Amino acid sequence: TFTLYAMGWFRQAPGKERELVAAVSWNGANIYYADSV
């Protein structure tokens, strides 16, 4: 049930930890971005 989930995009480069790039709440009202993007 897609609307019950926040969705995130992560990335992982070789030798680095997985990091959150961006995330969006179920209705799009809240959004997060990593400073780098």
Full PDB file with SEQRES, HELIX, SHEET, SSBOND, CRYST1, ORIGX, SCALE, CONECT and MASTER records, all heavy atoms in Angstrom:
SEQRES   1 A   37  THR PHE THR LEU TYR ALA MET GLY TRP PHE ARG GLN ALA          
SEQRES   2 A   37  PRO GLY LYS GLU ARG GLU LEU VAL ALA ALA VAL SER TRP          
SEQRES   3 A   37  ASN GLY ALA ASN ILE TYR TYR ALA ASP SER VAL                  
HELIX    1 AA1 PHE A    2  LEU A    4  5                                   3    
SHEET    1 AA1 3 MET A   7  ARG A  11  0                                        
SHEET    2 AA1 3 GLU A  19  VAL A  24 -1                                        
SHEET    3 AA1 3 ILE A  31  TYR A  33 -1                                        
CRYST1    1.000    1.000    1.000  90.00  90.00  90.00 P 1           1          
ORIGX1      1.000000  0.000000  0.000000        0.00000                         
ORIGX2      0.000000  1.000000  0.000000        0.00000                         
ORIGX3      0.000000  0.000000  1.000000        0.00000                         
SCALE1      1.000000  0.000000  0.000000        0.00000                         
SCALE2      0.000000  1.000000  0.000000        0.00000                         
SCALE3      0.000000  0.000000  1.000000        0.00000                         
ATOM      1  N   THR A   1       0.870  -1.175   0.000  1.00  0.00           N  
ATOM      2  CA  THR A   1       0.000   0.000   0.000  1.00  0.00           C  
ATOM      3  C   THR A   1       0.905   1.222   0.000  1.00  0.00           C  
ATOM      4  O   THR A   1       1.391   1.672   1.034  1.00  0.00           O  
ATOM      5  CB  THR A   1      -0.928  -0.013   1.221  1.00  0.00           C  
ATOM      6  OG1 THR A   1      -1.661  -1.244   1.239  1.00  0.00           O  
ATOM      7  CG2 THR A   1      -1.909   1.157   1.144  1.00  0.00           C  
ATOM      8  N   PHE A   2       1.113   1.743  -1.195  1.00  0.00           N  
ATOM      9  CA  PHE A   2       2.159   2.735  -1.428  1.00  0.00           C  
ATOM     10  C   PHE A   2       2.021   3.950  -0.524  1.00  0.00           C  
ATOM     11  O   PHE A   2       3.010   4.498  -0.042  1.00  0.00           O  
ATOM     12  CB  PHE A   2       2.115   3.135  -2.910  1.00  0.00           C  
ATOM     13  CG  PHE A   2       3.295   3.922  -3.395  1.00  0.00           C  
ATOM     14  CD1 PHE A   2       4.572   3.367  -3.370  1.00  0.00           C  
ATOM     15  CD2 PHE A   2       3.138   5.194  -3.918  1.00  0.00           C  
ATOM     16  CE1 PHE A   2       5.672   4.080  -3.837  1.00  0.00           C  
ATOM     17  CE2 PHE A   2       4.216   5.923  -4.390  1.00  0.00           C  
ATOM     18  CZ  PHE A   2       5.493   5.352  -4.353  1.00  0.00           C  
ATOM     19  N   THR A   3       0.790   4.369  -0.256  1.00  0.00           N  
ATOM     20  CA  THR A   3       0.584   5.589   0.523  1.00  0.00           C  
ATOM     21  C   THR A   3       0.880   5.412   2.006  1.00  0.00           C  
ATOM     22  O   THR A   3       0.859   6.384   2.760  1.00  0.00           O  
ATOM     23  CB  THR A   3      -0.850   6.104   0.347  1.00  0.00           C  
ATOM     24  OG1 THR A   3      -1.770   5.029   0.611  1.00  0.00           O  
ATOM     25  CG2 THR A   3      -1.092   6.641  -1.059  1.00  0.00           C  
ATOM     26  N   LEU A   4       1.174   4.211   2.444  1.00  0.00           N  
ATOM     27  CA  LEU A   4       1.555   3.991   3.840  1.00  0.00           C  
ATOM     28  C   LEU A   4       3.067   4.074   4.044  1.00  0.00           C  
ATOM     29  O   LEU A   4       3.556   3.855   5.152  1.00  0.00           O  
ATOM     30  CB  LEU A   4       1.050   2.628   4.319  1.00  0.00           C  
ATOM     31  CG  LEU A   4      -0.465   2.495   4.436  1.00  0.00           C  
ATOM     32  CD1 LEU A   4      -0.833   1.085   4.890  1.00  0.00           C  
ATOM     33  CD2 LEU A   4      -1.053   3.525   5.388  1.00  0.00           C  
ATOM     34  N   TYR A   5       3.772   4.394   2.968  1.00  0.00           N  
ATOM     35  CA  TYR A   5       5.232   4.375   3.024  1.00  0.00           C  
ATOM     36  C   TYR A   5       5.841   5.695   2.602  1.00  0.00           C  
ATOM     37  O   TYR A   5       5.451   6.274   1.579  1.00  0.00           O  
ATOM     38  CB  TYR A   5       5.787   3.281   2.110  1.00  0.00           C  
ATOM     39  CG  TYR A   5       5.495   1.894   2.603  1.00  0.00           C  
ATOM     40  CD1 TYR A   5       4.265   1.286   2.369  1.00  0.00           C  
ATOM     41  CD2 TYR A   5       6.451   1.177   3.307  1.00  0.00           C  
ATOM     42  CE1 TYR A   5       3.992   0.020   2.836  1.00  0.00           C  
ATOM     43  CE2 TYR A   5       6.194  -0.102   3.778  1.00  0.00           C  
ATOM     44  CZ  TYR A   5       4.960  -0.667   3.537  1.00  0.00           C  
ATOM     45  OH  TYR A   5       4.696  -1.926   4.004  1.00  0.00           O  
ATOM     46  N   ALA A   6       6.816   6.153   3.395  1.00  0.00           N  
ATOM     47  CA  ALA A   6       7.744   7.160   2.895  1.00  0.00           C  
ATOM     48  C   ALA A   6       8.708   6.449   1.947  1.00  0.00           C  
ATOM     49  O   ALA A   6       8.996   5.265   2.112  1.00  0.00           O  
ATOM     50  CB  ALA A   6       8.499   7.801   4.044  1.00  0.00           C  
ATOM     51  N   MET A   7       9.186   7.178   0.973  1.00  0.00           N  
ATOM     52  CA  MET A   7      10.099   6.591  -0.014  1.00  0.00           C  
ATOM     53  C   MET A   7      11.418   7.350  -0.014  1.00  0.00           C  
ATOM     54  O   MET A   7      11.447   8.586   0.094  1.00  0.00           O  
ATOM     55  CB  MET A   7       9.473   6.655  -1.410  1.00  0.00           C  
ATOM     56  CG  MET A   7       8.167   5.886  -1.533  1.00  0.00           C  
ATOM     57  SD  MET A   7       8.337   4.131  -1.202  1.00  0.00           S  
ATOM     58  CE  MET A   7       9.427   3.630  -2.544  1.00  0.00           C  
ATOM     59  N   GLY A   8      12.476   6.599  -0.135  1.00  0.00           N  
ATOM     60  CA  GLY A   8      13.788   7.218  -0.144  1.00  0.00           C  
ATOM     61  C   GLY A   8      14.646   6.725  -1.291  1.00  0.00           C  
ATOM     62  O   GLY A   8      14.455   5.614  -1.793  1.00  0.00           O  
ATOM     63  N   TRP A   9      15.556   7.587  -1.705  1.00  0.00           N  
ATOM     64  CA  TRP A   9      16.605   7.208  -2.651  1.00  0.00           C  
ATOM     65  C   TRP A   9      17.937   7.239  -1.891  1.00  0.00           C  
ATOM     66  O   TRP A   9      18.305   8.268  -1.320  1.00  0.00           O  
ATOM     67  CB  TRP A   9      16.670   8.165  -3.836  1.00  0.00           C  
ATOM     68  CG  TRP A   9      15.588   7.974  -4.844  1.00  0.00           C  
ATOM     69  CD1 TRP A   9      14.427   8.682  -4.961  1.00  0.00           C  
ATOM     70  CD2 TRP A   9      15.574   6.998  -5.888  1.00  0.00           C  
ATOM     71  NE1 TRP A   9      13.682   8.202  -6.005  1.00  0.00           N  
ATOM     72  CE2 TRP A   9      14.370   7.169  -6.602  1.00  0.00           C  
ATOM     73  CE3 TRP A   9      16.448   5.987  -6.297  1.00  0.00           C  
ATOM     74  CZ2 TRP A   9      14.020   6.376  -7.698  1.00  0.00           C  
ATOM     75  CZ3 TRP A   9      16.102   5.206  -7.379  1.00  0.00           C  
ATOM     76  CH2 TRP A   9      14.902   5.403  -8.065  1.00  0.00           C  
ATOM     77  N   PHE A  10      18.613   6.115  -1.897  1.00  0.00           N  
ATOM     78  CA  PHE A  10      19.935   5.996  -1.298  1.00  0.00           C  
ATOM     79  C   PHE A  10      20.949   5.782  -2.422  1.00  0.00           C  
ATOM     80  O   PHE A  10      20.597   5.384  -3.527  1.00  0.00           O  
ATOM     81  CB  PHE A  10      19.997   4.792  -0.355  1.00  0.00           C  
ATOM     82  CG  PHE A  10      19.248   4.981   0.937  1.00  0.00           C  
ATOM     83  CD1 PHE A  10      17.865   4.851   0.975  1.00  0.00           C  
ATOM     84  CD2 PHE A  10      19.917   5.273   2.113  1.00  0.00           C  
ATOM     85  CE1 PHE A  10      17.168   5.012   2.171  1.00  0.00           C  
ATOM     86  CE2 PHE A  10      19.231   5.432   3.312  1.00  0.00           C  
ATOM     87  CZ  PHE A  10      17.853   5.297   3.338  1.00  0.00           C  
ATOM     88  N   ARG A  11      22.205   6.000  -2.082  1.00  0.00           N  
ATOM     89  CA  ARG A  11      23.269   5.650  -3.013  1.00  0.00           C  
ATOM     90  C   ARG A  11      24.460   5.095  -2.247  1.00  0.00           C  
ATOM     91  O   ARG A  11      24.664   5.403  -1.078  1.00  0.00           O  
ATOM     92  CB  ARG A  11      23.695   6.852  -3.867  1.00  0.00           C  
ATOM     93  CG  ARG A  11      24.392   7.965  -3.097  1.00  0.00           C  
ATOM     94  CD  ARG A  11      24.643   9.144  -4.038  1.00  0.00           C  
ATOM     95  NE  ARG A  11      25.319  10.246  -3.359  1.00  0.00           N  
ATOM     96  CZ  ARG A  11      25.524  11.433  -3.900  1.00  0.00           C  
ATOM     97  NH1 ARG A  11      25.107  11.687  -5.147  1.00  0.00           N  
ATOM     98  NH2 ARG A  11      26.152  12.385  -3.220  1.00  0.00           N  
ATOM     99  N   GLN A  12      25.202   4.265  -2.965  1.00  0.00           N  
ATOM    100  CA  GLN A  12      26.399   3.678  -2.366  1.00  0.00           C  
ATOM    101  C   GLN A  12      27.484   3.594  -3.421  1.00  0.00           C  
ATOM    102  O   GLN A  12      27.306   2.931  -4.452  1.00  0.00           O  
ATOM    103  CB  GLN A  12      26.111   2.291  -1.786  1.00  0.00           C  
ATOM    104  CG  GLN A  12      27.265   1.732  -0.977  1.00  0.00           C  
ATOM    105  CD  GLN A  12      26.846   0.541  -0.133  1.00  0.00           C  
ATOM    106  OE1 GLN A  12      25.837  -0.100  -0.379  1.00  0.00           O  
ATOM    107  NE2 GLN A  12      27.626   0.258   0.890  1.00  0.00           N  
ATOM    108  N   ALA A  13      28.575   4.260  -3.142  1.00  0.00           N  
ATOM    109  CA  ALA A  13      29.745   4.214  -4.010  1.00  0.00           C  
ATOM    110  C   ALA A  13      30.706   3.160  -3.459  1.00  0.00           C  
ATOM    111  O   ALA A  13      30.665   2.843  -2.262  1.00  0.00           O  
ATOM    112  CB  ALA A  13      30.414   5.578  -4.069  1.00  0.00           C  
ATOM    113  N   PRO A  14      31.576   2.616  -4.304  1.00  0.00           N  
ATOM    114  CA  PRO A  14      32.524   1.595  -3.840  1.00  0.00           C  
ATOM    115  C   PRO A  14      33.348   2.092  -2.660  1.00  0.00           C  
ATOM    116  O   PRO A  14      33.894   3.195  -2.684  1.00  0.00           O  
ATOM    117  CB  PRO A  14      33.402   1.354  -5.074  1.00  0.00           C  
ATOM    118  CG  PRO A  14      32.526   1.700  -6.217  1.00  0.00           C  
ATOM    119  CD  PRO A  14      31.681   2.849  -5.751  1.00  0.00           C  
ATOM    120  N   GLY A  15      33.383   1.285  -1.597  1.00  0.00           N  
ATOM    121  CA  GLY A  15      34.176   1.626  -0.434  1.00  0.00           C  
ATOM    122  C   GLY A  15      33.538   2.624   0.503  1.00  0.00           C  
ATOM    123  O   GLY A  15      34.151   3.032   1.495  1.00  0.00           O  
ATOM    124  N   LYS A  16      32.304   3.030   0.192  1.00  0.00           N  
ATOM    125  CA  LYS A  16      31.618   4.015   1.028  1.00  0.00           C  
ATOM    126  C   LYS A  16      30.335   3.430   1.591  1.00  0.00           C  
ATOM    127  O   LYS A  16      29.797   2.447   1.084  1.00  0.00           O  
ATOM    128  CB  LYS A  16      31.321   5.276   0.226  1.00  0.00           C  
ATOM    129  CG  LYS A  16      32.567   6.032  -0.207  1.00  0.00           C  
ATOM    130  CD  LYS A  16      32.211   7.377  -0.806  1.00  0.00           C  
ATOM    131  CE  LYS A  16      33.456   8.172  -1.153  1.00  0.00           C  
ATOM    132  NZ  LYS A  16      33.119   9.516  -1.705  1.00  0.00           N  
ATOM    133  N   GLU A  17      29.839   4.067   2.653  1.00  0.00           N  
ATOM    134  CA  GLU A  17      28.588   3.629   3.253  1.00  0.00           C  
ATOM    135  C   GLU A  17      27.408   4.086   2.403  1.00  0.00           C  
ATOM    136  O   GLU A  17      27.486   5.064   1.672  1.00  0.00           O  
ATOM    137  CB  GLU A  17      28.458   4.193   4.669  1.00  0.00           C  
ATOM    138  CG  GLU A  17      29.459   3.617   5.657  1.00  0.00           C  
ATOM    139  CD  GLU A  17      29.195   4.078   7.076  1.00  0.00           C  
ATOM    140  OE1 GLU A  17      28.320   4.940   7.272  1.00  0.00           O  
ATOM    141  OE2 GLU A  17      29.865   3.576   7.993  1.00  0.00           O  
ATOM    142  N   ARG A  18      26.321   3.353   2.558  1.00  0.00           N  
ATOM    143  CA  ARG A  18      25.092   3.745   1.881  1.00  0.00           C  
ATOM    144  C   ARG A  18      24.564   5.018   2.538  1.00  0.00           C  
ATOM    145  O   ARG A  18      24.481   5.106   3.766  1.00  0.00           O  
ATOM    146  CB  ARG A  18      24.068   2.620   1.986  1.00  0.00           C  
ATOM    147  CG  ARG A  18      22.866   2.784   1.111  1.00  0.00           C  
ATOM    148  CD  ARG A  18      22.025   1.532   1.099  1.00  0.00           C  
ATOM    149  NE  ARG A  18      22.752   0.386   0.553  1.00  0.00           N  
ATOM    150  CZ  ARG A  18      22.171  -0.767   0.234  1.00  0.00           C  
ATOM    151  NH1 ARG A  18      20.878  -0.939   0.416  1.00  0.00           N  
ATOM    152  NH2 ARG A  18      22.886  -1.751  -0.249  1.00  0.00           N  
ATOM    153  N   GLU A  19      24.204   5.994   1.727  1.00  0.00           N  
ATOM    154  CA  GLU A  19      23.726   7.264   2.260  1.00  0.00           C  
ATOM    155  C   GLU A  19      22.387   7.648   1.645  1.00  0.00           C  
ATOM    156  O   GLU A  19      22.121   7.362   0.473  1.00  0.00           O  
ATOM    157  CB  GLU A  19      24.745   8.381   1.985  1.00  0.00           C  
ATOM    158  CG  GLU A  19      24.983   8.689   0.529  1.00  0.00           C  
ATOM    159  CD  GLU A  19      25.806   9.949   0.289  1.00  0.00           C  
ATOM    160  OE1 GLU A  19      25.968  10.755   1.240  1.00  0.00           O  
ATOM    161  OE2 GLU A  19      26.269  10.138  -0.844  1.00  0.00           O  
ATOM    162  N   LEU A  20      21.588   8.319   2.456  1.00  0.00           N  
ATOM    163  CA  LEU A  20      20.302   8.809   1.967  1.00  0.00           C  
ATOM    164  C   LEU A  20      20.537  10.063   1.127  1.00  0.00           C  
ATOM    165  O   LEU A  20      21.162  11.020   1.578  1.00  0.00           O  
ATOM    166  CB  LEU A  20      19.380   9.134   3.139  1.00  0.00           C  
ATOM    167  CG  LEU A  20      18.002   9.686   2.772  1.00  0.00           C  
ATOM    168  CD1 LEU A  20      17.197   8.649   1.999  1.00  0.00           C  
ATOM    169  CD2 LEU A  20      17.258  10.128   4.031  1.00  0.00           C  
ATOM    170  N   VAL A  21      20.018  10.035  -0.068  1.00  0.00           N  
ATOM    171  CA  VAL A  21      20.131  11.172  -0.980  1.00  0.00           C  
ATOM    172  C   VAL A  21      18.908  12.069  -0.862  1.00  0.00           C  
ATOM    173  O   VAL A  21      19.032  13.289  -0.765  1.00  0.00           O  
ATOM    174  CB  VAL A  21      20.282  10.673  -2.430  1.00  0.00           C  
ATOM    175  CG1 VAL A  21      20.253  11.836  -3.402  1.00  0.00           C  
ATOM    176  CG2 VAL A  21      21.555   9.871  -2.586  1.00  0.00           C  
ATOM    177  N   ALA A  22      17.733  11.457  -0.867  1.00  0.00           N  
ATOM    178  CA  ALA A  22      16.486  12.205  -0.795  1.00  0.00           C  
ATOM    179  C   ALA A  22      15.381  11.291  -0.300  1.00  0.00           C  
ATOM    180  O   ALA A  22      15.438  10.081  -0.515  1.00  0.00           O  
ATOM    181  CB  ALA A  22      16.111  12.779  -2.163  1.00  0.00           C  
ATOM    182  N   ALA A  23      14.399  11.885   0.362  1.00  0.00           N  
ATOM    183  CA  ALA A  23      13.251  11.116   0.840  1.00  0.00           C  
ATOM    184  C   ALA A  23      12.002  11.983   0.745  1.00  0.00           C  
ATOM    185  O   ALA A  23      12.079  13.215   0.829  1.00  0.00           O  
ATOM    186  CB  ALA A  23      13.464  10.647   2.270  1.00  0.00           C  
ATOM    187  N   VAL A  24      10.868  11.313   0.599  1.00  0.00           N  
ATOM    188  CA  VAL A  24       9.588  12.024   0.476  1.00  0.00           C  
ATOM    189  C   VAL A  24       8.557  11.294   1.308  1.00  0.00           C  
ATOM    190  O   VAL A  24       8.488  10.051   1.312  1.00  0.00           O  
ATOM    191  CB  VAL A  24       9.169  12.132  -1.004  1.00  0.00           C  
ATOM    192  CG1 VAL A  24       9.035  10.772  -1.669  1.00  0.00           C  
ATOM    193  CG2 VAL A  24       7.904  12.951  -1.161  1.00  0.00           C  
ATOM    194  N   SER A  25       7.749  12.050   2.032  1.00  0.00           N  
ATOM    195  CA  SER A  25       6.698  11.455   2.861  1.00  0.00           C  
ATOM    196  C   SER A  25       5.559  10.937   1.987  1.00  0.00           C  
ATOM    197  O   SER A  25       5.514  11.194   0.780  1.00  0.00           O  
ATOM    198  CB  SER A  25       6.172  12.475   3.861  1.00  0.00           C  
ATOM    199  OG  SER A  25       5.617  13.594   3.181  1.00  0.00           O  
ATOM    200  N   TRP A  26       4.608  10.259   2.600  1.00  0.00           N  
ATOM    201  CA  TRP A  26       3.585   9.545   1.850  1.00  0.00           C  
ATOM    202  C   TRP A  26       2.782  10.453   0.913  1.00  0.00           C  
ATOM    203  O   TRP A  26       2.374  10.017  -0.162  1.00  0.00           O  
ATOM    204  CB  TRP A  26       2.629   8.837   2.820  1.00  0.00           C  
ATOM    205  CG  TRP A  26       1.703   9.772   3.551  1.00  0.00           C  
ATOM    206  CD1 TRP A  26       1.960  10.453   4.700  1.00  0.00           C  
ATOM    207  CD2 TRP A  26       0.369  10.121   3.160  1.00  0.00           C  
ATOM    208  NE1 TRP A  26       0.874  11.209   5.051  1.00  0.00           N  
ATOM    209  CE2 TRP A  26      -0.118  11.014   4.131  1.00  0.00           C  
ATOM    210  CE3 TRP A  26      -0.458   9.755   2.101  1.00  0.00           C  
ATOM    211  CZ2 TRP A  26      -1.396  11.560   4.064  1.00  0.00           C  
ATOM    212  CZ3 TRP A  26      -1.736  10.292   2.031  1.00  0.00           C  
ATOM    213  CH2 TRP A  26      -2.185  11.191   3.006  1.00  0.00           C  
ATOM    214  N   ASN A  27       2.588  11.700   1.319  1.00  0.00           N  
ATOM    215  CA  ASN A  27       1.778  12.606   0.500  1.00  0.00           C  
ATOM    216  C   ASN A  27       2.601  13.693  -0.172  1.00  0.00           C  
ATOM    217  O   ASN A  27       2.054  14.618  -0.755  1.00  0.00           O  
ATOM    218  CB  ASN A  27       0.690  13.256   1.351  1.00  0.00           C  
ATOM    219  CG  ASN A  27       1.265  14.065   2.501  1.00  0.00           C  
ATOM    220  OD1 ASN A  27       2.470  14.072   2.720  1.00  0.00           O  
ATOM    221  ND2 ASN A  27       0.400  14.731   3.235  1.00  0.00           N  
ATOM    222  N   GLY A  28       3.924  13.603  -0.053  1.00  0.00           N  
ATOM    223  CA  GLY A  28       4.783  14.586  -0.696  1.00  0.00           C  
ATOM    224  C   GLY A  28       4.959  15.864   0.087  1.00  0.00           C  
ATOM    225  O   GLY A  28       5.664  16.766  -0.367  1.00  0.00           O  
ATOM    226  N   ALA A  29       4.350  15.963   1.266  1.00  0.00           N  
ATOM    227  CA  ALA A  29       4.403  17.211   2.023  1.00  0.00           C  
ATOM    228  C   ALA A  29       5.765  17.450   2.657  1.00  0.00           C  
ATOM    229  O   ALA A  29       6.173  18.600   2.841  1.00  0.00           O  
ATOM    230  CB  ALA A  29       3.322  17.217   3.097  1.00  0.00           C  
ATOM    231  N   ASN A  30       6.439  16.393   3.035  1.00  0.00           N  
ATOM    232  CA  ASN A  30       7.763  16.506   3.652  1.00  0.00           C  
ATOM    233  C   ASN A  30       8.804  15.899   2.737  1.00  0.00           C  
ATOM    234  O   ASN A  30       8.624  14.782   2.235  1.00  0.00           O  
ATOM    235  CB  ASN A  30       7.793  15.792   5.000  1.00  0.00           C  
ATOM    236  CG  ASN A  30       6.899  16.481   6.023  1.00  0.00           C  
ATOM    237  OD1 ASN A  30       6.637  17.671   5.927  1.00  0.00           O  
ATOM    238  ND2 ASN A  30       6.433  15.725   6.985  1.00  0.00           N  
ATOM    239  N   ILE A  31       9.878  16.634   2.557  1.00  0.00           N  
ATOM    240  CA  ILE A  31      10.959  16.187   1.680  1.00  0.00           C  
ATOM    241  C   ILE A  31      12.288  16.476   2.344  1.00  0.00           C  
ATOM    242  O   ILE A  31      12.461  17.510   2.988  1.00  0.00           O  
ATOM    243  CB  ILE A  31      10.875  16.879   0.307  1.00  0.00           C  
ATOM    244  CG1 ILE A  31       9.676  16.341  -0.486  1.00  0.00           C  
ATOM    245  CG2 ILE A  31      12.156  16.681  -0.495  1.00  0.00           C  
ATOM    246  CD1 ILE A  31       9.478  16.981  -1.839  1.00  0.00           C  
ATOM    247  N   TYR A  32      13.194  15.536   2.173  1.00  0.00           N  
ATOM    248  CA  TYR A  32      14.552  15.676   2.700  1.00  0.00           C  
ATOM    249  C   TYR A  32      15.538  15.531   1.545  1.00  0.00           C  
ATOM    250  O   TYR A  32      15.353  14.680   0.662  1.00  0.00           O  
ATOM    251  CB  TYR A  32      14.840  14.582   3.736  1.00  0.00           C  
ATOM    252  CG  TYR A  32      16.310  14.428   4.051  1.00  0.00           C  
ATOM    253  CD1 TYR A  32      16.922  15.193   5.032  1.00  0.00           C  
ATOM    254  CD2 TYR A  32      17.103  13.531   3.333  1.00  0.00           C  
ATOM    255  CE1 TYR A  32      18.263  15.073   5.301  1.00  0.00           C  
ATOM    256  CE2 TYR A  32      18.458  13.403   3.592  1.00  0.00           C  
ATOM    257  CZ  TYR A  32      19.023  14.165   4.579  1.00  0.00           C  
ATOM    258  OH  TYR A  32      20.360  14.042   4.833  1.00  0.00           O  
ATOM    259  N   TYR A  33      16.586  16.351   1.580  1.00  0.00           N  
ATOM    260  CA  TYR A  33      17.703  16.207   0.651  1.00  0.00           C  
ATOM    261  C   TYR A  33      19.005  16.235   1.431  1.00  0.00           C  
ATOM    262  O   TYR A  33      19.174  17.028   2.357  1.00  0.00           O  
ATOM    263  CB  TYR A  33      17.739  17.342  -0.379  1.00  0.00           C  
ATOM    264  CG  TYR A  33      16.580  17.359  -1.340  1.00  0.00           C  
ATOM    265  CD1 TYR A  33      15.566  18.290  -1.243  1.00  0.00           C  
ATOM    266  CD2 TYR A  33      16.506  16.424  -2.385  1.00  0.00           C  
ATOM    267  CE1 TYR A  33      14.502  18.316  -2.124  1.00  0.00           C  
ATOM    268  CE2 TYR A  33      15.440  16.439  -3.272  1.00  0.00           C  
ATOM    269  CZ  TYR A  33      14.449  17.384  -3.128  1.00  0.00           C  
ATOM    270  OH  TYR A  33      13.395  17.395  -4.016  1.00  0.00           O  
ATOM    271  N   ALA A  34      19.933  15.404   1.022  1.00  0.00           N  
ATOM    272  CA  ALA A  34      21.290  15.514   1.537  1.00  0.00           C  
ATOM    273  C   ALA A  34      21.878  16.840   1.052  1.00  0.00           C  
ATOM    274  O   ALA A  34      21.562  17.316  -0.045  1.00  0.00           O  
ATOM    275  CB  ALA A  34      22.130  14.341   1.057  1.00  0.00           C  
ATOM    276  N   ASP A  35      22.742  17.420   1.872  1.00  0.00           N  
ATOM    277  CA  ASP A  35      23.343  18.708   1.508  1.00  0.00           C  
ATOM    278  C   ASP A  35      24.057  18.638   0.162  1.00  0.00           C  
ATOM    279  O   ASP A  35      24.070  19.606  -0.588  1.00  0.00           O  
ATOM    280  CB  ASP A  35      24.325  19.146   2.586  1.00  0.00           C  
ATOM    281  CG  ASP A  35      23.632  19.607   3.860  1.00  0.00           C  
ATOM    282  OD1 ASP A  35      22.416  19.901   3.808  1.00  0.00           O  
ATOM    283  OD2 ASP A  35      24.308  19.663   4.903  1.00  0.00           O  
ATOM    284  N   SER A  36      24.636  17.490  -0.125  1.00  0.00           N  
ATOM    285  CA  SER A  36      25.439  17.355  -1.341  1.00  0.00           C  
ATOM    286  C   SER A  36      24.614  17.424  -2.624  1.00  0.00           C  
ATOM    287  O   SER A  36      25.174  17.623  -3.700  1.00  0.00           O  
ATOM    288  CB  SER A  36      26.214  16.037  -1.307  1.00  0.00           C  
ATOM    289  OG  SER A  36      25.321  14.955  -1.167  1.00  0.00           O  
ATOM    290  N   VAL A  37      23.286  17.268  -2.518  1.00  0.00           N  
ATOM    291  CA  VAL A  37      22.457  17.253  -3.728  1.00  0.00           C  
ATOM    292  C   VAL A  37      21.422  18.361  -3.754  1.00  0.00           C  
ATOM    293  O   VAL A  37      20.701  18.513  -4.738  1.00  0.00           O  
ATOM    294  CB  VAL A  37      21.761  15.889  -3.920  1.00  0.00           C  
ATOM    295  CG1 VAL A  37      22.774  14.760  -3.888  1.00  0.00           C  
ATOM    296  CG2 VAL A  37      20.659  15.675  -2.887  1.00  0.00           C  
TER     297      VAL A  37                                                      
MASTER        0    0    0    1    3    0    0    6  296    1    0    3          
END                                                                             
